[in-house]
Every structure is written in C-alpha cells, then in structure tokens.
Amino acid sequence: MNLRQVEAFHAVMRTGSMTGAANLMAVTQPAVTRLIRDFEDVVGFPLFERRGNQLLPTPQAIALIPEVERSFIGLDRIARLAAGIRENTAGSLRIAAMPAVANTLLPRFLAHFLAQRPNLQVSLQGIPSHQVAEMVAAGQVDIGYAEGPLNRHGLDIQAVAMEAVVILPPGHPLAEHAVLTPAHLAHQRFIGLRPGSLFAAGVQLALSEVPRVSQVEASLTYTACALVAQGLGISIVDPPTARDFLAQGLLIRPLSVPIDTGFLVIRSSESHNQGLVEVFSSQFLEYFEKDALR
C-alpha cells in the first residue's frame, strides 16, 4: 500500500468518478484506474462497482473511507504546518531575555505577534543578562535580549537605546515638574538598584553628587516600581517597566540627564531558524520604536 493509492481512492470517493478523480489529482484517467486496481489488490476486496454510467462504492469502501478521511485530515494538518513553517507563521521560537524586557516589552509584543500565528509555539525565559548570551551561543535559544556591552565571536549583536525615567508615587510634590533634574532628587527617599548592572552604575554616577535617603534597595526595576507605587520612595527605571504601573497611579517624568537603560538584541549567525528569527526581531524592534514607549 502506498499513499498515492490511498489518495486515488479518496479522490474517487469525493468525485464519484474516475475522470473526476483524475482531474482532482492532475493525472490521466487510466492512471487513476490502475491505482484503484492496485489498491484493491492490497486491501483484498473490491472498492467500486459499475451500474450503467454510475460508479458506486462497495460496502467495504464505505466502511474504509472514514479512516481514510481521518488520515487525510492529518496530512492536511502536516501540509498546513509545513506551509506555516515556510512562511514563518508556524514552528517554534525560543527566547531568552533580561527581566526588564521579558516582563514588559515581550509579553505585550507577543500578544500582537501570536494573534496572527496560531500555530507558532514560543518559549520565553526571563534570566540574568550574563546567561542570555551563553544560551544563544550554545543554541539553546534562537534570540536573546540582554544588557550590554557584549562582544563575542559568532553572535550578531544590535544595540537598542532607551533613556531611563524618574518614577514617583501618586501625589508626590515633584510631579509638578515636567522634567526632573538630579538636583530635584536631593534629600528624597530613593529606592536604588542593587549594584552589579551597568544600569545601576549609570544611576549611581548620575546622582553621585546628590544626597539621598536610601532605606530600601531592589534587585529588579519591576520591584522598584512596586515599592514606589506603595509610597516608599522614588526611583529611576526603564520606561516599559514604569508603564506597567500606570494603572496603580505611578507617575513618570523624564530625567534631564540621560541614563541609558537599553538592551542588546543577540542572535547566532549559525542558527537554523534564521527566517523566523528575522521576522520576529524586525517586527519587535518596529513595535518598540512606534508603540512600546507610548
């Protein structure tokens, strides 16, 4: 038994004639007749009988067709999946990202991206930046987002800039200013970030001459936002994370001194999933530039 024989049987059952099946399969009518005859030899019973100009299925054919239909549904699914993979709308995509990106930008973008790709499976891991590059280099993920700088052979790296903002609890006096300077933050209760990241070092440098009251420290900007929303102080974080807390009354103001809180897009030049990764990466950056910071 081969698939072509089964396909011919399915086509004759659908069209009711050898000629119709031949047109459906884009072959000659004798070719369909031969395939049906060979299929009958394999299954061991007749599938069709002629009554005048009619070609009628035998009871055995009627009993067989439901299983054939189920197999063709499976083949159709395989064909649709293959087309989706070819067109970068199906398959799988593995992403690793620093928490500030994994918890904010990527979920919002994925809601849009996956709405048009119901057959695409995505794995998203939020991990420290130093692990992201390792996973991309090892082929454990297809694309990564991490804090820079990074210079590693075999990786394609693109830097995306983004300036930090000041966040204030609801009703804070500093909210009357459209733009805040480091001097405005003097003697304020300030929620700093734990040392160890370039962003934390940048904040510390920008405020090095500013006296602050530091009672609480956070390891993640998301945690800092949650603390500010509870009125425990003010902080400096990335805009996407701050945006997630607007519904809780968090106030956002630009800072007059630029502090970079951007990220790197990291891809492997040896990835076997380049087409889908390229589509995802380019659309994500387009989303970031147009919509993410609004």
C-alpha atoms as a PDB file:
ATOM      1  CA  MET A   1       0.000   0.000   0.000  1.00  0.00           C
ATOM      2  CA  ASN A   2       1.253   3.461  -0.817  1.00  0.00           C
ATOM      3  CA  LEU A   3      -0.039   6.963  -0.286  1.00  0.00           C
ATOM      4  CA  ARG A   4      -0.803   7.521  -3.970  1.00  0.00           C
ATOM      5  CA  GLN A   5      -3.208   4.572  -3.983  1.00  0.00           C
ATOM      6  CA  VAL A   6      -4.978   5.889  -0.915  1.00  0.00           C
ATOM      7  CA  GLU A   7      -5.134   9.334  -2.494  1.00  0.00           C
ATOM      8  CA  ALA A   8      -6.756   7.894  -5.632  1.00  0.00           C
ATOM      9  CA  PHE A   9      -9.376   6.047  -3.551  1.00  0.00           C
ATOM     10  CA  HIS A  10     -10.102   9.229  -1.597  1.00  0.00           C
ATOM     11  CA  ALA A  11     -10.421  11.248  -4.825  1.00  0.00           C
ATOM     12  CA  VAL A  12     -12.847   8.758  -6.429  1.00  0.00           C
ATOM     13  CA  MET A  13     -14.993   8.719  -3.282  1.00  0.00           C
ATOM     14  CA  ARG A  14     -15.083  12.523  -3.318  1.00  0.00           C
ATOM     15  CA  THR A  15     -15.859  12.998  -7.014  1.00  0.00           C
ATOM     16  CA  GLY A  16     -17.829   9.837  -7.770  1.00  0.00           C
ATOM     17  CA  SER A  17     -15.900   9.019 -10.929  1.00  0.00           C
ATOM     18  CA  MET A  18     -12.506   8.025 -12.251  1.00  0.00           C
ATOM     19  CA  THR A  19     -12.471  11.057 -14.521  1.00  0.00           C
ATOM     20  CA  GLY A  20     -13.271  13.454 -11.698  1.00  0.00           C
ATOM     21  CA  ALA A  21     -10.565  11.872  -9.555  1.00  0.00           C
ATOM     22  CA  ALA A  22      -8.077  12.202 -12.413  1.00  0.00           C
ATOM     23  CA  ASN A  23      -8.843  15.923 -12.725  1.00  0.00           C
ATOM     24  CA  LEU A  24      -8.518  16.365  -8.971  1.00  0.00           C
ATOM     25  CA  MET A  25      -5.166  14.583  -8.899  1.00  0.00           C
ATOM     26  CA  ALA A  26      -3.919  16.136 -12.169  1.00  0.00           C
ATOM     27  CA  VAL A  27      -3.216  12.726 -13.721  1.00  0.00           C
ATOM     28  CA  THR A  28      -4.809  10.680 -16.513  1.00  0.00           C
ATOM     29  CA  GLN A  29      -7.938   8.595 -16.013  1.00  0.00           C
ATOM     30  CA  PRO A  30      -6.080   5.308 -16.784  1.00  0.00           C
ATOM     31  CA  ALA A  31      -3.555   6.187 -14.087  1.00  0.00           C
ATOM     32  CA  VAL A  32      -6.352   6.507 -11.514  1.00  0.00           C
ATOM     33  CA  THR A  33      -7.904   3.213 -12.689  1.00  0.00           C
ATOM     34  CA  ARG A  34      -4.567   1.477 -12.264  1.00  0.00           C
ATOM     35  CA  LEU A  35      -4.061   2.958  -8.767  1.00  0.00           C
ATOM     36  CA  ILE A  36      -7.532   1.819  -7.689  1.00  0.00           C
ATOM     37  CA  ARG A  37      -6.916  -1.683  -9.064  1.00  0.00           C
ATOM     38  CA  ASP A  38      -3.592  -1.897  -7.206  1.00  0.00           C
ATOM     39  CA  PHE A  39      -5.251  -0.640  -4.013  1.00  0.00           C
ATOM     40  CA  GLU A  40      -7.961  -3.286  -4.324  1.00  0.00           C
ATOM     41  CA  ASP A  41      -5.243  -5.950  -4.652  1.00  0.00           C
ATOM     42  CA  VAL A  42      -3.614  -4.665  -1.454  1.00  0.00           C
ATOM     43  CA  VAL A  43      -6.787  -4.457   0.672  1.00  0.00           C
ATOM     44  CA  GLY A  44      -8.167  -7.711  -0.705  1.00  0.00           C
ATOM     45  CA  PHE A  45     -11.684  -6.649  -1.690  1.00  0.00           C
ATOM     46  CA  PRO A  46     -13.419  -4.643  -4.428  1.00  0.00           C
ATOM     47  CA  LEU A  47     -13.932  -0.932  -3.781  1.00  0.00           C
ATOM     48  CA  PHE A  48     -16.242   0.105  -6.621  1.00  0.00           C
ATOM     49  CA  GLU A  49     -18.768  -1.457  -8.955  1.00  0.00           C
ATOM     50  CA  ARG A  50     -20.271  -0.079 -12.155  1.00  0.00           C
ATOM     51  CA  ARG A  51     -24.023   0.188 -12.667  1.00  0.00           C
ATOM     52  CA  GLY A  52     -24.607   1.657 -16.087  1.00  0.00           C
ATOM     53  CA  ASN A  53     -22.794   5.004 -16.119  1.00  0.00           C
ATOM     54  CA  GLN A  54     -22.544   5.121 -12.337  1.00  0.00           C
ATOM     55  CA  LEU A  55     -19.521   4.149 -10.247  1.00  0.00           C
ATOM     56  CA  LEU A  56     -20.778   3.054  -6.830  1.00  0.00           C
ATOM     57  CA  PRO A  57     -18.672   2.331  -3.759  1.00  0.00           C
ATOM     58  CA  THR A  58     -18.960  -1.142  -2.271  1.00  0.00           C
ATOM     59  CA  PRO A  59     -19.951  -1.614   1.395  1.00  0.00           C
ATOM     60  CA  GLN A  60     -16.285  -2.326   2.114  1.00  0.00           C
ATOM     61  CA  ALA A  61     -15.286   1.028   0.567  1.00  0.00           C
ATOM     62  CA  ILE A  62     -17.929   2.818   2.639  1.00  0.00           C
ATOM     63  CA  ALA A  63     -16.552   1.143   5.756  1.00  0.00           C
ATOM     64  CA  LEU A  64     -12.986   2.125   4.822  1.00  0.00           C
ATOM     65  CA  ILE A  65     -13.491   5.777   3.892  1.00  0.00           C
ATOM     66  CA  PRO A  66     -13.888   7.217   7.460  1.00  0.00           C
ATOM     67  CA  GLU A  67     -10.388   6.055   8.383  1.00  0.00           C
ATOM     68  CA  VAL A  68      -9.015   7.385   5.102  1.00  0.00           C
ATOM     69  CA  GLU A  69     -10.702  10.743   5.776  1.00  0.00           C
ATOM     70  CA  ARG A  70      -9.043  10.891   9.198  1.00  0.00           C
ATOM     71  CA  SER A  71      -5.653  10.180   7.659  1.00  0.00           C
ATOM     72  CA  PHE A  72      -6.167  12.914   5.072  1.00  0.00           C
ATOM     73  CA  ILE A  73      -7.092  15.385   7.801  1.00  0.00           C
ATOM     74  CA  GLY A  74      -3.754  14.554   9.411  1.00  0.00           C
ATOM     75  CA  LEU A  75      -1.935  15.015   6.110  1.00  0.00           C
ATOM     76  CA  ASP A  76      -3.692  18.335   5.579  1.00  0.00           C
ATOM     77  CA  ARG A  77      -2.545  19.469   9.002  1.00  0.00           C
ATOM     78  CA  ILE A  78       1.004  18.470   8.148  1.00  0.00           C
ATOM     79  CA  ALA A  79       0.771  20.378   4.865  1.00  0.00           C
ATOM     80  CA  ARG A  80      -0.591  23.487   6.611  1.00  0.00           C
ATOM     81  CA  LEU A  81       2.118  23.287   9.262  1.00  0.00           C
ATOM     82  CA  ALA A  82       4.818  22.911   6.620  1.00  0.00           C
ATOM     83  CA  ALA A  83       3.445  25.947   4.779  1.00  0.00           C
ATOM     84  CA  GLY A  84       3.384  27.885   8.039  1.00  0.00           C
ATOM     85  CA  ILE A  85       6.995  26.999   8.790  1.00  0.00           C
ATOM     86  CA  ARG A  86       7.965  28.014   5.268  1.00  0.00           C
ATOM     87  CA  GLU A  87       6.115  31.327   5.646  1.00  0.00           C
ATOM     88  CA  ASN A  88       7.422  31.936   9.202  1.00  0.00           C
ATOM     89  CA  THR A  89       3.954  31.685  10.781  1.00  0.00           C
ATOM     90  CA  ALA A  90       4.402  28.283  12.447  1.00  0.00           C
ATOM     91  CA  GLY A  91       7.070  26.200  14.142  1.00  0.00           C
ATOM     92  CA  SER A  92       8.838  27.147  17.355  1.00  0.00           C
ATOM     93  CA  LEU A  93      10.750  30.149  18.663  1.00  0.00           C
ATOM     94  CA  ARG A  94      12.885  30.135  21.816  1.00  0.00           C
ATOM     95  CA  ILE A  95      13.588  33.473  23.506  1.00  0.00           C
ATOM     96  CA  ALA A  96      15.734  34.394  26.495  1.00  0.00           C
ATOM     97  CA  ALA A  97      15.623  37.920  27.881  1.00  0.00           C
ATOM     98  CA  MET A  98      16.697  40.028  30.812  1.00  0.00           C
ATOM     99  CA  PRO A  99      13.776  40.525  33.239  1.00  0.00           C
ATOM    100  CA  ALA A 100      13.158  44.157  32.255  1.00  0.00           C
ATOM    101  CA  VAL A 101      12.402  43.002  28.695  1.00  0.00           C
ATOM    102  CA  ALA A 102      10.903  39.590  29.482  1.00  0.00           C
ATOM    103  CA  ASN A 103       8.370  41.044  31.924  1.00  0.00           C
ATOM    104  CA  THR A 104       7.233  44.058  29.912  1.00  0.00           C
ATOM    105  CA  LEU A 105       8.050  44.582  26.246  1.00  0.00           C
ATOM    106  CA  LEU A 106       7.999  40.987  25.070  1.00  0.00           C
ATOM    107  CA  PRO A 107       4.622  39.941  26.555  1.00  0.00           C
ATOM    108  CA  ARG A 108       2.946  42.999  25.053  1.00  0.00           C
ATOM    109  CA  PHE A 109       4.514  42.378  21.660  1.00  0.00           C
ATOM    110  CA  LEU A 110       3.823  38.638  21.711  1.00  0.00           C
ATOM    111  CA  ALA A 111       0.122  39.305  22.214  1.00  0.00           C
ATOM    112  CA  HIS A 112       0.138  41.012  18.816  1.00  0.00           C
ATOM    113  CA  PHE A 113       2.639  38.716  17.099  1.00  0.00           C
ATOM    114  CA  LEU A 114       0.969  35.424  18.073  1.00  0.00           C
ATOM    115  CA  ALA A 115      -2.536  36.617  17.262  1.00  0.00           C
ATOM    116  CA  GLN A 116      -1.591  36.207  13.595  1.00  0.00           C
ATOM    117  CA  ARG A 117       0.328  32.945  14.144  1.00  0.00           C
ATOM    118  CA  PRO A 118      -1.841  30.397  15.993  1.00  0.00           C
ATOM    119  CA  ASN A 119       0.493  27.528  15.024  1.00  0.00           C
ATOM    120  CA  LEU A 120       3.666  29.116  16.406  1.00  0.00           C
ATOM    121  CA  GLN A 121       4.984  27.796  19.727  1.00  0.00           C
ATOM    122  CA  VAL A 122       7.031  30.256  21.809  1.00  0.00           C
ATOM    123  CA  SER A 123       9.230  29.675  24.845  1.00  0.00           C
ATOM    124  CA  LEU A 124      10.130  32.824  26.801  1.00  0.00           C
ATOM    125  CA  GLN A 125      12.684  32.700  29.619  1.00  0.00           C
ATOM    126  CA  GLY A 126      13.440  35.644  31.872  1.00  0.00           C
ATOM    127  CA  ILE A 127      17.025  35.227  33.066  1.00  0.00           C
ATOM    128  CA  PRO A 128      20.017  37.409  34.054  1.00  0.00           C
ATOM    129  CA  SER A 129      21.765  39.136  31.169  1.00  0.00           C
ATOM    130  CA  HIS A 130      25.025  37.230  31.503  1.00  0.00           C
ATOM    131  CA  GLN A 131      23.170  33.951  30.904  1.00  0.00           C
ATOM    132  CA  VAL A 132      21.337  35.194  27.810  1.00  0.00           C
ATOM    133  CA  ALA A 133      24.420  35.358  25.572  1.00  0.00           C
ATOM    134  CA  GLU A 134      25.539  31.921  26.773  1.00  0.00           C
ATOM    135  CA  MET A 135      22.214  30.370  25.814  1.00  0.00           C
ATOM    136  CA  VAL A 136      22.216  31.990  22.369  1.00  0.00           C
ATOM    137  CA  ALA A 137      25.809  30.890  21.713  1.00  0.00           C
ATOM    138  CA  ALA A 138      25.011  27.331  22.829  1.00  0.00           C
ATOM    139  CA  GLY A 139      21.990  27.130  20.524  1.00  0.00           C
ATOM    140  CA  GLN A 140      19.619  26.731  23.472  1.00  0.00           C
ATOM    141  CA  VAL A 141      17.545  29.729  22.352  1.00  0.00           C
ATOM    142  CA  ASP A 142      17.029  31.415  18.990  1.00  0.00           C
ATOM    143  CA  ILE A 143      17.241  35.044  20.106  1.00  0.00           C
ATOM    144  CA  GLY A 144      18.172  36.899  23.273  1.00  0.00           C
ATOM    145  CA  TYR A 145      17.764  40.328  24.847  1.00  0.00           C
ATOM    146  CA  ALA A 146      20.328  41.407  27.403  1.00  0.00           C
ATOM    147  CA  GLU A 147      22.144  44.329  28.961  1.00  0.00           C
ATOM    148  CA  GLY A 148      25.403  45.317  27.247  1.00  0.00           C
ATOM    149  CA  PRO A 149      28.133  45.660  26.431  1.00  0.00           C
ATOM    150  CA  LEU A 150      28.990  42.377  24.748  1.00  0.00           C
ATOM    151  CA  ASN A 151      31.479  41.374  22.085  1.00  0.00           C
ATOM    152  CA  ARG A 152      31.518  37.688  21.336  1.00  0.00           C
ATOM    153  CA  HIS A 153      32.531  35.787  18.216  1.00  0.00           C
ATOM    154  CA  GLY A 154      29.712  34.054  16.360  1.00  0.00           C
ATOM    155  CA  LEU A 155      26.957  36.325  17.668  1.00  0.00           C
ATOM    156  CA  ASP A 156      25.138  39.075  15.798  1.00  0.00           C
ATOM    157  CA  ILE A 157      24.536  41.918  18.249  1.00  0.00           C
ATOM    158  CA  GLN A 158      22.390  45.014  17.821  1.00  0.00           C
ATOM    159  CA  ALA A 159      22.184  47.753  20.447  1.00  0.00           C
ATOM    160  CA  VAL A 160      18.826  49.405  21.190  1.00  0.00           C
ATOM    161  CA  ALA A 161      18.965  52.683  23.120  1.00  0.00           C
ATOM    162  CA  MET A 162      16.411  53.776  25.690  1.00  0.00           C
ATOM    163  CA  GLU A 163      16.633  56.533  28.317  1.00  0.00           C
ATOM    164  CA  ALA A 164      15.628  55.980  31.922  1.00  0.00           C
ATOM    165  CA  VAL A 165      12.820  57.890  33.630  1.00  0.00           C
ATOM    166  CA  VAL A 166      12.037  59.004  37.171  1.00  0.00           C
ATOM    167  CA  ILE A 167       9.033  57.354  38.818  1.00  0.00           C
ATOM    168  CA  LEU A 168       7.012  58.958  41.615  1.00  0.00           C
ATOM    169  CA  PRO A 169       4.207  57.709  43.852  1.00  0.00           C
ATOM    170  CA  PRO A 170       0.751  59.259  43.411  1.00  0.00           C
ATOM    171  CA  GLY A 171       0.515  62.827  44.658  1.00  0.00           C
ATOM    172  CA  HIS A 172       4.274  63.359  45.018  1.00  0.00           C
ATOM    173  CA  PRO A 173       5.322  67.075  45.108  1.00  0.00           C
ATOM    174  CA  LEU A 174       7.903  66.553  42.342  1.00  0.00           C
ATOM    175  CA  ALA A 175       5.077  65.741  39.934  1.00  0.00           C
ATOM    176  CA  GLU A 176       4.608  69.474  39.329  1.00  0.00           C
ATOM    177  CA  HIS A 177       7.817  69.472  37.245  1.00  0.00           C
ATOM    178  CA  ALA A 178       7.602  68.398  33.598  1.00  0.00           C
ATOM    179  CA  VAL A 179      11.270  67.337  33.604  1.00  0.00           C
ATOM    180  CA  LEU A 180      13.321  66.430  36.674  1.00  0.00           C
ATOM    181  CA  THR A 181      16.987  67.219  37.200  1.00  0.00           C
ATOM    182  CA  PRO A 182      19.277  65.320  39.575  1.00  0.00           C
ATOM    183  CA  ALA A 183      19.068  68.337  41.924  1.00  0.00           C
ATOM    184  CA  HIS A 184      15.314  67.801  42.239  1.00  0.00           C
ATOM    185  CA  LEU A 185      16.003  64.389  43.769  1.00  0.00           C
ATOM    186  CA  ALA A 186      18.113  65.752  46.615  1.00  0.00           C
ATOM    187  CA  HIS A 187      17.056  64.563  50.094  1.00  0.00           C
ATOM    188  CA  GLN A 188      14.300  62.386  48.626  1.00  0.00           C
ATOM    189  CA  ARG A 189      13.709  58.830  49.788  1.00  0.00           C
ATOM    190  CA  PHE A 190      15.278  56.967  46.886  1.00  0.00           C
ATOM    191  CA  ILE A 191      14.853  53.299  46.007  1.00  0.00           C
ATOM    192  CA  GLY A 192      18.119  52.297  44.416  1.00  0.00           C
ATOM    193  CA  LEU A 193      19.054  49.220  42.444  1.00  0.00           C
ATOM    194  CA  ARG A 194      21.440  46.650  43.798  1.00  0.00           C
ATOM    195  CA  PRO A 195      24.966  47.174  42.374  1.00  0.00           C
ATOM    196  CA  GLY A 196      26.106  44.785  39.682  1.00  0.00           C
ATOM    197  CA  SER A 197      24.493  46.038  36.494  1.00  0.00           C
ATOM    198  CA  LEU A 198      25.562  48.766  34.093  1.00  0.00           C
ATOM    199  CA  PHE A 199      22.237  50.494  34.572  1.00  0.00           C
ATOM    200  CA  ALA A 200      22.639  50.587  38.359  1.00  0.00           C
ATOM    201  CA  ALA A 201      26.153  52.002  37.867  1.00  0.00           C
ATOM    202  CA  GLY A 202      24.798  54.638  35.483  1.00  0.00           C
ATOM    203  CA  VAL A 203      22.175  55.768  38.013  1.00  0.00           C
ATOM    204  CA  GLN A 204      24.786  55.919  40.741  1.00  0.00           C
ATOM    205  CA  LEU A 205      27.078  58.012  38.555  1.00  0.00           C
ATOM    206  CA  ALA A 206      24.330  60.447  37.534  1.00  0.00           C
ATOM    207  CA  LEU A 207      23.341  61.006  41.161  1.00  0.00           C
ATOM    208  CA  SER A 208      26.827  60.878  42.684  1.00  0.00           C
ATOM    209  CA  GLU A 209      26.633  64.493  43.844  1.00  0.00           C
ATOM    210  CA  VAL A 210      23.037  64.279  45.038  1.00  0.00           C
ATOM    211  CA  PRO A 211      22.384  63.493  48.732  1.00  0.00           C
ATOM    212  CA  ARG A 212      19.605  60.924  49.049  1.00  0.00           C
ATOM    213  CA  VAL A 213      17.832  58.968  51.745  1.00  0.00           C
ATOM    214  CA  SER A 214      18.305  55.305  50.873  1.00  0.00           C
ATOM    215  CA  GLN A 215      16.259  52.945  53.016  1.00  0.00           C
ATOM    216  CA  VAL A 216      15.190  50.294  50.501  1.00  0.00           C
ATOM    217  CA  GLU A 217      17.153  48.628  47.696  1.00  0.00           C
ATOM    218  CA  ALA A 218      15.753  46.445  44.894  1.00  0.00           C
ATOM    219  CA  SER A 219      17.367  43.954  42.549  1.00  0.00           C
ATOM    220  CA  LEU A 220      14.882  44.495  39.697  1.00  0.00           C
ATOM    221  CA  THR A 221      13.310  47.630  38.247  1.00  0.00           C
ATOM    222  CA  TYR A 222       9.934  45.862  38.460  1.00  0.00           C
ATOM    223  CA  THR A 223      10.396  45.558  42.219  1.00  0.00           C
ATOM    224  CA  ALA A 224      11.451  49.197  42.422  1.00  0.00           C
ATOM    225  CA  CYS A 225       8.226  50.225  40.658  1.00  0.00           C
ATOM    226  CA  ALA A 226       6.145  48.148  43.064  1.00  0.00           C
ATOM    227  CA  LEU A 227       7.847  49.811  46.022  1.00  0.00           C
ATOM    228  CA  VAL A 228       7.335  53.294  44.584  1.00  0.00           C
ATOM    229  CA  ALA A 229       3.674  52.536  43.920  1.00  0.00           C
ATOM    230  CA  GLN A 230       3.336  51.792  47.639  1.00  0.00           C
ATOM    231  CA  GLY A 231       4.744  55.219  48.516  1.00  0.00           C
ATOM    232  CA  LEU A 232       8.102  54.003  49.813  1.00  0.00           C
ATOM    233  CA  GLY A 233      10.120  56.494  47.785  1.00  0.00           C
ATOM    234  CA  ILE A 234      11.062  57.468  44.226  1.00  0.00           C
ATOM    235  CA  SER A 235      13.321  55.703  41.763  1.00  0.00           C
ATOM    236  CA  ILE A 236      14.833  55.677  38.277  1.00  0.00           C
ATOM    237  CA  VAL A 237      13.868  52.811  35.982  1.00  0.00           C
ATOM    238  CA  ASP A 238      13.298  51.857  32.354  1.00  0.00           C
ATOM    239  CA  PRO A 239      10.145  53.264  30.686  1.00  0.00           C
ATOM    240  CA  PRO A 240       8.455  49.938  29.764  1.00  0.00           C
ATOM    241  CA  THR A 241       8.539  48.701  33.353  1.00  0.00           C
ATOM    242  CA  ALA A 242       7.261  52.042  34.636  1.00  0.00           C
ATOM    243  CA  ARG A 243       4.426  51.925  32.138  1.00  0.00           C
ATOM    244  CA  ASP A 244       3.167  48.649  33.640  1.00  0.00           C
ATOM    245  CA  PHE A 245       2.416  50.514  36.886  1.00  0.00           C
ATOM    246  CA  LEU A 246       0.482  53.462  35.468  1.00  0.00           C
ATOM    247  CA  ALA A 247      -2.782  51.812  36.478  1.00  0.00           C
ATOM    248  CA  GLN A 248      -1.581  51.868  40.084  1.00  0.00           C
ATOM    249  CA  GLY A 249      -1.149  55.639  39.941  1.00  0.00           C
ATOM    250  CA  LEU A 250       2.601  55.663  39.330  1.00  0.00           C
ATOM    251  CA  LEU A 251       3.819  58.979  37.877  1.00  0.00           C
ATOM    252  CA  ILE A 252       6.542  59.122  35.215  1.00  0.00           C
ATOM    253  CA  ARG A 253       8.793  62.074  34.500  1.00  0.00           C
ATOM    254  CA  PRO A 254      11.776  62.362  32.130  1.00  0.00           C
ATOM    255  CA  LEU A 255      15.209  62.971  33.611  1.00  0.00           C
ATOM    256  CA  SER A 256      17.325  65.838  32.305  1.00  0.00           C
ATOM    257  CA  VAL A 257      20.470  63.704  32.478  1.00  0.00           C
ATOM    258  CA  PRO A 258      20.431  60.793  30.010  1.00  0.00           C
ATOM    259  CA  ILE A 259      20.934  57.366  31.586  1.00  0.00           C
ATOM    260  CA  ASP A 260      20.904  54.519  29.099  1.00  0.00           C
ATOM    261  CA  THR A 261      18.661  51.626  30.027  1.00  0.00           C
ATOM    262  CA  GLY A 262      18.601  49.996  26.597  1.00  0.00           C
ATOM    263  CA  PHE A 263      19.327  46.417  25.649  1.00  0.00           C
ATOM    264  CA  LEU A 264      21.122  44.254  23.132  1.00  0.00           C
ATOM    265  CA  VAL A 265      19.424  42.012  20.587  1.00  0.00           C
ATOM    266  CA  ILE A 266      21.574  38.875  20.385  1.00  0.00           C
ATOM    267  CA  ARG A 267      21.346  36.300  17.611  1.00  0.00           C
ATOM    268  CA  SER A 268      23.549  33.450  16.495  1.00  0.00           C
ATOM    269  CA  SER A 269      24.956  33.604  12.991  1.00  0.00           C
ATOM    270  CA  GLU A 270      24.724  29.787  12.909  1.00  0.00           C
ATOM    271  CA  SER A 271      21.026  29.494  13.799  1.00  0.00           C
ATOM    272  CA  HIS A 272      18.900  27.145  11.687  1.00  0.00           C
ATOM    273  CA  ASN A 273      15.826  29.278  12.364  1.00  0.00           C
ATOM    274  CA  GLN A 274      17.031  32.463  10.696  1.00  0.00           C
ATOM    275  CA  GLY A 275      13.866  33.238   8.724  1.00  0.00           C
ATOM    276  CA  LEU A 276      11.511  33.216  11.694  1.00  0.00           C
ATOM    277  CA  VAL A 277      14.054  34.946  13.933  1.00  0.00           C
ATOM    278  CA  GLU A 278      14.499  37.737  11.387  1.00  0.00           C
ATOM    279  CA  VAL A 279      10.747  38.287  11.113  1.00  0.00           C
ATOM    280  CA  PHE A 280      10.324  38.295  14.893  1.00  0.00           C
ATOM    281  CA  SER A 281      13.307  40.556  15.535  1.00  0.00           C
ATOM    282  CA  SER A 282      12.427  43.151  12.921  1.00  0.00           C
ATOM    283  CA  GLN A 283       8.760  43.340  13.934  1.00  0.00           C
ATOM    284  CA  PHE A 284       9.670  43.558  17.618  1.00  0.00           C
ATOM    285  CA  LEU A 285      12.012  46.491  17.004  1.00  0.00           C
ATOM    286  CA  GLU A 286       9.382  48.168  14.856  1.00  0.00           C
ATOM    287  CA  TYR A 287       6.877  47.731  17.687  1.00  0.00           C
ATOM    288  CA  PHE A 288       9.412  49.094  20.178  1.00  0.00           C
ATOM    289  CA  GLU A 289      10.110  52.225  18.149  1.00  0.00           C
ATOM    290  CA  LYS A 290       6.467  53.019  17.376  1.00  0.00           C
ATOM    291  CA  ASP A 291       4.372  51.802  20.277  1.00  0.00           C
ATOM    292  CA  ALA A 292       6.281  50.410  23.232  1.00  0.00           C
ATOM    293  CA  LEU A 293       7.125  53.675  24.974  1.00  0.00           C
ATOM    294  CA  ARG A 294       3.812  55.459  24.435  1.00  0.00           C
END
